[in-house]
């Protein structure tokens, strides 16, 4: 672990990714709901690639979520927890 404060840019990026994870979850649930409702539209012309592509999209969303959450744990392991009390101590107003 590094013995320094975390960069504000890295902290802001991670907090933005928390919001994006919520969007990933929403899109994952939305895609699963569309795939589940496939049987409701039997009278429509739906291409044969609908289910395989839908499953591929679901798998890619799961991988994306896994990698994002894994990056959070790697950051915490390597850098450590954010210490907000030390951020103001390291500011040198004369620079």
PDB file of N, CA and C in Angstrom:
ATOM      1  N   UNK A   1       0.845  -1.181   0.000  1.00  0.00           N
ATOM      2  CA  UNK A   1       0.000   0.000   0.000  1.00  0.00           C
ATOM      3  C   UNK A   1       0.887   1.239   0.000  1.00  0.00           C
ATOM      4  N   UNK A   2       0.414   2.246  -0.665  1.00  0.00           N
ATOM      5  CA  UNK A   2       1.136   3.502  -0.705  1.00  0.00           C
ATOM      6  C   UNK A   2       0.820   4.300   0.553  1.00  0.00           C
ATOM      7  N   UNK A   3       1.804   5.041   1.033  1.00  0.00           N
ATOM      8  CA  UNK A   3       1.591   5.851   2.225  1.00  0.00           C
ATOM      9  C   UNK A   3       1.379   7.305   1.828  1.00  0.00           C
ATOM     10  N   UNK A   4       0.383   7.543   1.031  1.00  0.00           N
ATOM     11  CA  UNK A   4       0.038   8.891   0.613  1.00  0.00           C
ATOM     12  C   UNK A   4      -1.459   8.967   0.420  1.00  0.00           C
ATOM     13  N   UNK A   5      -1.948  10.183   0.302  1.00  0.00           N
ATOM     14  CA  UNK A   5      -3.389  10.337   0.125  1.00  0.00           C
ATOM     15  C   UNK A   5      -3.773   9.975  -1.305  1.00  0.00           C
ATOM     16  N   UNK A   6      -4.983   9.574  -1.482  1.00  0.00           N
ATOM     17  CA  UNK A   6      -5.477   9.214  -2.813  1.00  0.00           C
ATOM     18  C   UNK A   6      -5.711  10.477  -3.629  1.00  0.00           C
ATOM     19  N   UNK A   7      -5.488  10.356  -4.914  1.00  0.00           N
ATOM     20  CA  UNK A   7      -5.701  11.495  -5.798  1.00  0.00           C
ATOM     21  C   UNK A   7      -7.177  11.836  -5.859  1.00  0.00           C
ATOM     22  N   UNK A   8      -7.512  13.132  -5.846  1.00  0.00           N
ATOM     23  CA  UNK A   8      -8.935  13.501  -5.961  1.00  0.00           C
ATOM     24  C   UNK A   8      -9.543  13.038  -7.285  1.00  0.00           C
ATOM     25  N   UNK A   9      -8.739  12.998  -8.349  1.00  0.00           N
ATOM     26  CA  UNK A   9      -9.263  12.553  -9.640  1.00  0.00           C
ATOM     27  C   UNK A   9      -9.658  11.083  -9.578  1.00  0.00           C
ATOM     28  N   UNK A  10      -8.846  10.264  -8.909  1.00  0.00           N
ATOM     29  CA  UNK A  10      -9.165   8.844  -8.782  1.00  0.00           C
ATOM     30  C   UNK A  10     -10.414   8.661  -7.930  1.00  0.00           C
ATOM     31  N   UNK A  11     -10.518   9.434  -6.869  1.00  0.00           N
ATOM     32  CA  UNK A  11     -11.694   9.355  -6.000  1.00  0.00           C
ATOM     33  C   UNK A  11     -12.952   9.744  -6.773  1.00  0.00           C
ATOM     34  N   UNK A  12     -12.877  10.831  -7.550  1.00  0.00           N
ATOM     35  CA  UNK A  12     -14.043  11.264  -8.331  1.00  0.00           C
ATOM     36  C   UNK A  12     -14.417  10.239  -9.388  1.00  0.00           C
ATOM     37  N   UNK A  13     -13.415   9.630 -10.004  1.00  0.00           N
ATOM     38  CA  UNK A  13     -13.692   8.590 -10.996  1.00  0.00           C
ATOM     39  C   UNK A  13     -14.387   7.395 -10.362  1.00  0.00           C
ATOM     40  N   UNK A  14     -13.920   6.985  -9.186  1.00  0.00           N
ATOM     41  CA  UNK A  14     -14.546   5.842  -8.524  1.00  0.00           C
ATOM     42  C   UNK A  14     -15.976   6.161  -8.116  1.00  0.00           C
ATOM     43  N   UNK A  15     -16.223   7.355  -7.618  1.00  0.00           N
ATOM     44  CA  UNK A  15     -17.588   7.717  -7.230  1.00  0.00           C
ATOM     45  C   UNK A  15     -18.501   7.801  -8.453  1.00  0.00           C
ATOM     46  N   UNK A  16     -17.964   8.222  -9.579  1.00  0.00           N
ATOM     47  CA  UNK A  16     -18.752   8.226 -10.813  1.00  0.00           C
ATOM     48  C   UNK A  16     -19.068   6.795 -11.249  1.00  0.00           C
ATOM     49  N   UNK A  17     -18.113   5.896 -11.058  1.00  0.00           N
ATOM     50  CA  UNK A  17     -18.348   4.497 -11.422  1.00  0.00           C
ATOM     51  C   UNK A  17     -19.415   3.847 -10.550  1.00  0.00           C
ATOM     52  N   UNK A  18     -19.560   4.312  -9.303  1.00  0.00           N
ATOM     53  CA  UNK A  18     -20.650   3.798  -8.464  1.00  0.00           C
ATOM     54  C   UNK A  18     -22.006   4.093  -9.116  1.00  0.00           C
ATOM     55  N   UNK A  19     -22.150   5.283  -9.662  1.00  0.00           N
ATOM     56  CA  UNK A  19     -23.408   5.644 -10.339  1.00  0.00           C
ATOM     57  C   UNK A  19     -23.564   4.828 -11.615  1.00  0.00           C
ATOM     58  N   UNK A  20     -22.470   4.638 -12.333  1.00  0.00           N
ATOM     59  CA  UNK A  20     -22.532   3.884 -13.582  1.00  0.00           C
ATOM     60  C   UNK A  20     -22.873   2.418 -13.315  1.00  0.00           C
ATOM     61  N   UNK A  21     -22.444   1.873 -12.180  1.00  0.00           N
ATOM     62  CA  UNK A  21     -22.805   0.492 -11.830  1.00  0.00           C
ATOM     63  C   UNK A  21     -24.319   0.359 -11.699  1.00  0.00           C
ATOM     64  N   UNK A  22     -24.952   1.368 -11.139  1.00  0.00           N
ATOM     65  CA  UNK A  22     -26.418   1.347 -11.035  1.00  0.00           C
ATOM     66  C   UNK A  22     -27.041   1.322 -12.427  1.00  0.00           C
ATOM     67  N   UNK A  23     -26.476   2.093 -13.356  1.00  0.00           N
ATOM     68  CA  UNK A  23     -26.981   2.065 -14.733  1.00  0.00           C
ATOM     69  C   UNK A  23     -26.754   0.703 -15.384  1.00  0.00           C
ATOM     70  N   UNK A  24     -25.598   0.091 -15.124  1.00  0.00           N
ATOM     71  CA  UNK A  24     -25.340  -1.259 -15.643  1.00  0.00           C
ATOM     72  C   UNK A  24     -26.383  -2.245 -15.126  1.00  0.00           C
ATOM     73  N   UNK A  25     -26.683  -2.164 -13.848  1.00  0.00           N
ATOM     74  CA  UNK A  25     -27.689  -3.060 -13.273  1.00  0.00           C
ATOM     75  C   UNK A  25     -29.055  -2.839 -13.907  1.00  0.00           C
ATOM     76  N   UNK A  26     -29.414  -1.572 -14.117  1.00  0.00           N
ATOM     77  CA  UNK A  26     -30.699  -1.267 -14.754  1.00  0.00           C
ATOM     78  C   UNK A  26     -30.757  -1.861 -16.165  1.00  0.00           C
ATOM     79  N   UNK A  27     -29.697  -1.657 -16.948  1.00  0.00           N
ATOM     80  CA  UNK A  27     -29.683  -2.185 -18.310  1.00  0.00           C
ATOM     81  C   UNK A  27     -29.684  -3.714 -18.327  1.00  0.00           C
ATOM     82  N   UNK A  28     -29.030  -4.332 -17.357  1.00  0.00           N
ATOM     83  CA  UNK A  28     -29.035  -5.787 -17.264  1.00  0.00           C
ATOM     84  C   UNK A  28     -30.437  -6.298 -16.997  1.00  0.00           C
ATOM     85  N   UNK A  29     -31.118  -5.702 -16.040  1.00  0.00           N
ATOM     86  CA  UNK A  29     -32.484  -6.115 -15.721  1.00  0.00           C
ATOM     87  C   UNK A  29     -33.408  -5.843 -16.902  1.00  0.00           C
ATOM     88  N   UNK A  30     -33.230  -4.717 -17.569  1.00  0.00           N
ATOM     89  CA  UNK A  30     -34.055  -4.366 -18.729  1.00  0.00           C
ATOM     90  C   UNK A  30     -33.866  -5.391 -19.853  1.00  0.00           C
ATOM     91  N   UNK A  31     -32.639  -5.772 -20.111  1.00  0.00           N
ATOM     92  CA  UNK A  31     -32.369  -6.762 -21.167  1.00  0.00           C
ATOM     93  C   UNK A  31     -32.940  -8.124 -20.807  1.00  0.00           C
ATOM     94  N   UNK A  32     -32.814  -8.529 -19.552  1.00  0.00           N
ATOM     95  CA  UNK A  32     -33.382  -9.812 -19.119  1.00  0.00           C
ATOM     96  C   UNK A  32     -34.900  -9.788 -19.256  1.00  0.00           C
ATOM     97  N   UNK A  33     -35.531  -8.681 -18.904  1.00  0.00           N
ATOM     98  CA  UNK A  33     -36.992  -8.571 -19.029  1.00  0.00           C
ATOM     99  C   UNK A  33     -37.424  -8.666 -20.496  1.00  0.00           C
ATOM    100  N   UNK A  34     -36.655  -8.083 -21.389  1.00  0.00           N
ATOM    101  CA  UNK A  34     -36.970  -8.175 -22.816  1.00  0.00           C
ATOM    102  C   UNK A  34     -36.843  -9.626 -23.290  1.00  0.00           C
ATOM    103  N   UNK A  35     -35.792 -10.307 -22.839  1.00  0.00           N
ATOM    104  CA  UNK A  35     -35.629 -11.717 -23.245  1.00  0.00           C
ATOM    105  C   UNK A  35     -36.720 -12.605 -22.673  1.00  0.00           C
ATOM    106  N   UNK A  36     -37.152 -12.322 -21.455  1.00  0.00           N
ATOM    107  CA  UNK A  36     -38.219 -13.124 -20.844  1.00  0.00           C
ATOM    108  C   UNK A  36     -39.543 -12.916 -21.575  1.00  0.00           C
ATOM    109  N   UNK A  37     -39.795 -11.707 -22.068  1.00  0.00           N
ATOM    110  CA  UNK A  37     -41.063 -11.418 -22.743  1.00  0.00           C
ATOM    111  C   UNK A  37     -41.052 -11.829 -24.212  1.00  0.00           C
ATOM    112  N   UNK A  38     -40.041 -12.553 -24.621  1.00  0.00           N
ATOM    113  CA  UNK A  38     -39.933 -13.005 -26.009  1.00  0.00           C
ATOM    114  C   UNK A  38     -41.154 -13.812 -26.436  1.00  0.00           C
ATOM    115  N   UNK A  39     -41.695 -14.634 -25.578  1.00  0.00           N
ATOM    116  CA  UNK A  39     -42.835 -15.481 -25.912  1.00  0.00           C
ATOM    117  C   UNK A  39     -44.129 -14.702 -26.120  1.00  0.00           C
ATOM    118  N   UNK A  40     -44.217 -13.474 -25.629  1.00  0.00           N
ATOM    119  CA  UNK A  40     -45.421 -12.663 -25.793  1.00  0.00           C
ATOM    120  C   UNK A  40     -45.601 -12.166 -27.220  1.00  0.00           C
ATOM    121  N   UNK A  41     -44.548 -12.259 -28.033  1.00  0.00           N
ATOM    122  CA  UNK A  41     -44.600 -11.708 -29.385  1.00  0.00           C
ATOM    123  C   UNK A  41     -44.417 -12.791 -30.440  1.00  0.00           C
ATOM    124  N   UNK A  42     -45.057 -13.925 -30.243  1.00  0.00           N
ATOM    125  CA  UNK A  42     -44.920 -15.036 -31.183  1.00  0.00           C
ATOM    126  C   UNK A  42     -45.530 -14.725 -32.545  1.00  0.00           C
ATOM    127  N   UNK A  43     -46.523 -13.859 -32.588  1.00  0.00           N
ATOM    128  CA  UNK A  43     -47.167 -13.540 -33.864  1.00  0.00           C
ATOM    129  C   UNK A  43     -46.358 -12.545 -34.693  1.00  0.00           C
ATOM    130  N   UNK A  44     -45.322 -11.962 -34.124  1.00  0.00           N
ATOM    131  CA  UNK A  44     -44.478 -11.013 -34.844  1.00  0.00           C
ATOM    132  C   UNK A  44     -43.296 -11.742 -35.485  1.00  0.00           C
ATOM    133  N   UNK A  45     -42.725 -11.086 -36.478  1.00  0.00           N
ATOM    134  CA  UNK A  45     -41.547 -11.649 -37.127  1.00  0.00           C
ATOM    135  C   UNK A  45     -40.322 -11.184 -36.335  1.00  0.00           C
ATOM    136  N   UNK A  46     -39.704 -12.137 -35.651  1.00  0.00           N
ATOM    137  CA  UNK A  46     -38.520 -11.848 -34.854  1.00  0.00           C
ATOM    138  C   UNK A  46     -37.381 -12.672 -35.432  1.00  0.00           C
ATOM    139  N   UNK A  47     -36.224 -12.039 -35.661  1.00  0.00           N
ATOM    140  CA  UNK A  47     -35.118 -12.798 -36.276  1.00  0.00           C
ATOM    141  C   UNK A  47     -34.626 -13.932 -35.375  1.00  0.00           C
ATOM    142  N   UNK A  48     -34.023 -14.902 -35.994  1.00  0.00           N
ATOM    143  CA  UNK A  48     -33.525 -16.067 -35.256  1.00  0.00           C
ATOM    144  C   UNK A  48     -32.351 -15.717 -34.355  1.00  0.00           C
ATOM    145  N   UNK A  49     -31.723 -14.596 -34.631  1.00  0.00           N
ATOM    146  CA  UNK A  49     -30.564 -14.191 -33.828  1.00  0.00           C
ATOM    147  C   UNK A  49     -30.955 -13.395 -32.581  1.00  0.00           C
ATOM    148  N   UNK A  50     -32.237 -13.220 -32.334  1.00  0.00           N
ATOM    149  CA  UNK A  50     -32.684 -12.400 -31.204  1.00  0.00           C
ATOM    150  C   UNK A  50     -32.223 -12.978 -29.866  1.00  0.00           C
ATOM    151  N   UNK A  51     -32.475 -14.243 -29.631  1.00  0.00           N
ATOM    152  CA  UNK A  51     -32.111 -14.881 -28.355  1.00  0.00           C
ATOM    153  C   UNK A  51     -30.584 -14.986 -28.191  1.00  0.00           C
ATOM    154  N   UNK A  52     -29.840 -15.453 -29.205  1.00  0.00           N
ATOM    155  CA  UNK A  52     -28.381 -15.526 -29.010  1.00  0.00           C
ATOM    156  C   UNK A  52     -27.734 -14.160 -28.744  1.00  0.00           C
ATOM    157  N   UNK A  53     -28.159 -13.155 -29.470  1.00  0.00           N
ATOM    158  CA  UNK A  53     -27.599 -11.822 -29.250  1.00  0.00           C
ATOM    159  C   UNK A  53     -28.033 -11.283 -27.887  1.00  0.00           C
ATOM    160  N   UNK A  54     -29.257 -11.541 -27.491  1.00  0.00           N
ATOM    161  CA  UNK A  54     -29.729 -11.117 -26.174  1.00  0.00           C
ATOM    162  C   UNK A  54     -28.941 -11.773 -25.048  1.00  0.00           C
ATOM    163  N   UNK A  55     -28.660 -13.059 -25.187  1.00  0.00           N
ATOM    164  CA  UNK A  55     -27.863 -13.756 -24.175  1.00  0.00           C
ATOM    165  C   UNK A  55     -26.437 -13.224 -24.158  1.00  0.00           C
ATOM    166  N   UNK A  56     -25.887 -12.926 -25.324  1.00  0.00           N
ATOM    167  CA  UNK A  56     -24.548 -12.339 -25.394  1.00  0.00           C
ATOM    168  C   UNK A  56     -24.505 -10.984 -24.682  1.00  0.00           C
ATOM    169  N   UNK A  57     -25.517 -10.163 -24.880  1.00  0.00           N
ATOM    170  CA  UNK A  57     -25.580  -8.860 -24.220  1.00  0.00           C
ATOM    171  C   UNK A  57     -25.666  -9.031 -22.707  1.00  0.00           C
ATOM    172  N   UNK A  58     -26.464  -9.974 -22.248  1.00  0.00           N
ATOM    173  CA  UNK A  58     -26.583 -10.228 -20.803  1.00  0.00           C
ATOM    174  C   UNK A  58     -25.236 -10.673 -20.229  1.00  0.00           C
ATOM    175  N   UNK A  59     -24.562 -11.581 -20.926  1.00  0.00           N
ATOM    176  CA  UNK A  59     -23.254 -12.057 -20.459  1.00  0.00           C
ATOM    177  C   UNK A  59     -22.253 -10.902 -20.416  1.00  0.00           C
ATOM    178  N   UNK A  60     -22.263 -10.045 -21.419  1.00  0.00           N
ATOM    179  CA  UNK A  60     -21.344  -8.908 -21.438  1.00  0.00           C
ATOM    180  C   UNK A  60     -21.648  -7.910 -20.318  1.00  0.00           C
ATOM    181  N   UNK A  61     -22.912  -7.686 -20.010  1.00  0.00           N
ATOM    182  CA  UNK A  61     -23.259  -6.816 -18.880  1.00  0.00           C
ATOM    183  C   UNK A  61     -22.774  -7.413 -17.560  1.00  0.00           C
ATOM    184  N   UNK A  62     -22.905  -8.719 -17.406  1.00  0.00           N
ATOM    185  CA  UNK A  62     -22.433  -9.373 -16.174  1.00  0.00           C
ATOM    186  C   UNK A  62     -20.918  -9.250 -16.061  1.00  0.00           C
ATOM    187  N   UNK A  63     -20.210  -9.449 -17.163  1.00  0.00           N
ATOM    188  CA  UNK A  63     -18.751  -9.297 -17.153  1.00  0.00           C
ATOM    189  C   UNK A  63     -18.368  -7.855 -16.825  1.00  0.00           C
ATOM    190  N   UNK A  64     -19.079  -6.903 -17.402  1.00  0.00           N
ATOM    191  CA  UNK A  64     -18.812  -5.493 -17.137  1.00  0.00           C
ATOM    192  C   UNK A  64     -19.023  -5.151 -15.667  1.00  0.00           C
ATOM    193  N   UNK A  65     -20.094  -5.649 -15.093  1.00  0.00           N
ATOM    194  CA  UNK A  65     -20.342  -5.428 -13.669  1.00  0.00           C
ATOM    195  C   UNK A  65     -19.252  -6.075 -12.816  1.00  0.00           C
ATOM    196  N   UNK A  66     -18.877  -7.289 -13.148  1.00  0.00           N
ATOM    197  CA  UNK A  66     -17.840  -7.989 -12.395  1.00  0.00           C
ATOM    198  C   UNK A  66     -16.513  -7.232 -12.446  1.00  0.00           C
ATOM    199  N   UNK A  67     -16.119  -6.785 -13.633  1.00  0.00           N
ATOM    200  CA  UNK A  67     -14.851  -6.066 -13.767  1.00  0.00           C
ATOM    201  C   UNK A  67     -14.869  -4.729 -13.036  1.00  0.00           C
ATOM    202  N   UNK A  68     -16.003  -4.050 -13.049  1.00  0.00           N
ATOM    203  CA  UNK A  68     -16.100  -2.772 -12.352  1.00  0.00           C
ATOM    204  C   UNK A  68     -15.984  -2.959 -10.848  1.00  0.00           C
ATOM    205  N   UNK A  69     -16.699  -3.931 -10.307  1.00  0.00           N
ATOM    206  CA  UNK A  69     -16.629  -4.186  -8.865  1.00  0.00           C
ATOM    207  C   UNK A  69     -15.244  -4.703  -8.483  1.00  0.00           C
ATOM    208  N   UNK A  70     -14.628  -5.496  -9.338  1.00  0.00           N
ATOM    209  CA  UNK A  70     -13.272  -5.975  -9.078  1.00  0.00           C
ATOM    210  C   UNK A  70     -12.276  -4.818  -9.056  1.00  0.00           C
ATOM    211  N   UNK A  71     -12.469  -3.846  -9.928  1.00  0.00           N
ATOM    212  CA  UNK A  71     -11.570  -2.686  -9.923  1.00  0.00           C
ATOM    213  C   UNK A  71     -11.689  -1.903  -8.615  1.00  0.00           C
ATOM    214  N   UNK A  72     -12.900  -1.862  -8.029  1.00  0.00           N
ATOM    215  CA  UNK A  72     -13.053  -1.200  -6.731  1.00  0.00           C
ATOM    216  C   UNK A  72     -12.233  -1.919  -5.664  1.00  0.00           C
ATOM    217  N   UNK A  73     -12.298  -3.235  -5.647  1.00  0.00           N
ATOM    218  CA  UNK A  73     -11.567  -3.982  -4.621  1.00  0.00           C
ATOM    219  C   UNK A  73     -10.057  -3.886  -4.837  1.00  0.00           C
ATOM    220  N   UNK A  74      -9.609  -3.893  -6.099  1.00  0.00           N
ATOM    221  CA  UNK A  74      -8.179  -3.745  -6.367  1.00  0.00           C
ATOM    222  C   UNK A  74      -7.677  -2.369  -5.925  1.00  0.00           C
ATOM    223  N   UNK A  75      -8.462  -1.335  -6.173  1.00  0.00           N
ATOM    224  CA  UNK A  75      -8.067   0.006  -5.764  1.00  0.00           C
ATOM    225  C   UNK A  75      -7.954   0.089  -4.251  1.00  0.00           C
ATOM    226  N   UNK A  76      -8.907  -0.510  -3.551  1.00  0.00           N
ATOM    227  CA  UNK A  76      -8.874  -0.464  -2.090  1.00  0.00           C
ATOM    228  C   UNK A  76      -7.698  -1.263  -1.550  1.00  0.00           C
ATOM    229  N   UNK A  77      -7.349  -2.375  -2.193  1.00  0.00           N
ATOM    230  CA  UNK A  77      -6.213  -3.176  -1.762  1.00  0.00           C
ATOM    231  C   UNK A  77      -4.893  -2.444  -1.996  1.00  0.00           C
ATOM    232  N   UNK A  78      -4.750  -1.818  -3.141  1.00  0.00           N
ATOM    233  CA  UNK A  78      -3.487  -1.183  -3.505  1.00  0.00           C
ATOM    234  C   UNK A  78      -3.316   0.179  -2.838  1.00  0.00           C
ATOM    235  N   UNK A  79      -4.340   1.013  -2.886  1.00  0.00           N
ATOM    236  CA  UNK A  79      -4.224   2.386  -2.387  1.00  0.00           C
ATOM    237  C   UNK A  79      -4.679   2.494  -0.941  1.00  0.00           C
ATOM    238  N   UNK A  80      -5.676   1.740  -0.563  1.00  0.00           N
ATOM    239  CA  UNK A  80      -6.223   1.838   0.786  1.00  0.00           C
ATOM    240  C   UNK A  80      -7.487   2.684   0.796  1.00  0.00           C
ATOM    241  N   UNK A  81      -8.038   2.845   1.976  1.00  0.00           N
ATOM    242  CA  UNK A  81      -9.275   3.615   2.110  1.00  0.00           C
ATOM    243  C   UNK A  81      -8.986   5.099   1.927  1.00  0.00           C
ATOM    244  N   UNK A  82      -9.994   5.831   1.464  1.00  0.00           N
ATOM    245  CA  UNK A  82      -9.855   7.278   1.329  1.00  0.00           C
ATOM    246  C   UNK A  82      -9.898   7.909   2.717  1.00  0.00           C
ATOM    247  N   UNK A  83      -8.897   8.705   3.021  1.00  0.00           N
ATOM    248  CA  UNK A  83      -8.838   9.391   4.299  1.00  0.00           C
ATOM    249  C   UNK A  83      -9.095  10.874   4.041  1.00  0.00           C
ATOM    250  N   UNK A  84     -10.328  11.313   4.255  1.00  0.00           N
ATOM    251  CA  UNK A  84     -10.691  12.685   3.933  1.00  0.00           C
ATOM    252  C   UNK A  84     -10.076  13.693   4.894  1.00  0.00           C
ATOM    253  N   UNK A  85      -9.696  13.266   6.078  1.00  0.00           N
ATOM    254  CA  UNK A  85      -9.087  14.190   7.032  1.00  0.00           C
ATOM    255  C   UNK A  85      -7.687  14.604   6.592  1.00  0.00           C
ATOM    256  N   UNK A  86      -6.972  13.733   5.894  1.00  0.00           N
ATOM    257  CA  UNK A  86      -5.616  14.053   5.449  1.00  0.00           C
ATOM    258  C   UNK A  86      -5.595  14.868   4.174  1.00  0.00           C
ATOM    259  N   UNK A  87      -6.686  14.933   3.438  1.00  0.00           N
ATOM    260  CA  UNK A  87      -6.676  15.654   2.165  1.00  0.00           C
ATOM    261  C   UNK A  87      -6.409  17.135   2.407  1.00  0.00           C
ATOM    262  N   UNK A  88      -7.062  17.739   3.383  1.00  0.00           N
ATOM    263  CA  UNK A  88      -6.868  19.155   3.634  1.00  0.00           C
ATOM    264  C   UNK A  88      -5.509  19.433   4.267  1.00  0.00           C
ATOM    265  N   UNK A  89      -4.902  18.476   4.944  1.00  0.00           N
ATOM    266  CA  UNK A  89      -3.593  18.670   5.561  1.00  0.00           C
ATOM    267  C   UNK A  89      -2.478  18.749   4.523  1.00  0.00           C
ATOM    268  N   UNK A  90      -2.668  18.097   3.384  1.00  0.00           N
ATOM    269  CA  UNK A  90      -1.620  18.043   2.364  1.00  0.00           C
ATOM    270  C   UNK A  90      -1.657  19.219   1.393  1.00  0.00           C
ATOM    271  N   UNK A  91      -2.611  20.107   1.538  1.00  0.00           N
ATOM    272  CA  UNK A  91      -2.721  21.237   0.613  1.00  0.00           C
ATOM    273  C   UNK A  91      -1.716  22.303   1.022  1.00  0.00           C
ATOM    274  N   UNK A  92      -0.871  22.681   0.073  1.00  0.00           N
ATOM    275  CA  UNK A  92       0.110  23.751   0.321  1.00  0.00           C
ATOM    276  C   UNK A  92      -0.364  24.961  -0.473  1.00  0.00           C
ATOM    277  N   UNK A  93      -0.855  25.958   0.206  1.00  0.00           N
ATOM    278  CA  UNK A  93      -1.441  27.114  -0.475  1.00  0.00           C
ATOM    279  C   UNK A  93      -0.385  28.016  -1.099  1.00  0.00           C
ATOM    280  N   UNK A  94       0.894  27.791  -0.831  1.00  0.00           N
ATOM    281  CA  UNK A  94       1.951  28.629  -1.386  1.00  0.00           C
ATOM    282  C   UNK A  94       2.480  28.100  -2.708  1.00  0.00           C
ATOM    283  N   UNK A  95       2.044  26.938  -3.137  1.00  0.00           N
ATOM    284  CA  UNK A  95       2.519  26.384  -4.416  1.00  0.00           C
ATOM    285  C   UNK A  95       1.775  26.961  -5.576  1.00  0.00           C
TER     286      UNK A  95
END
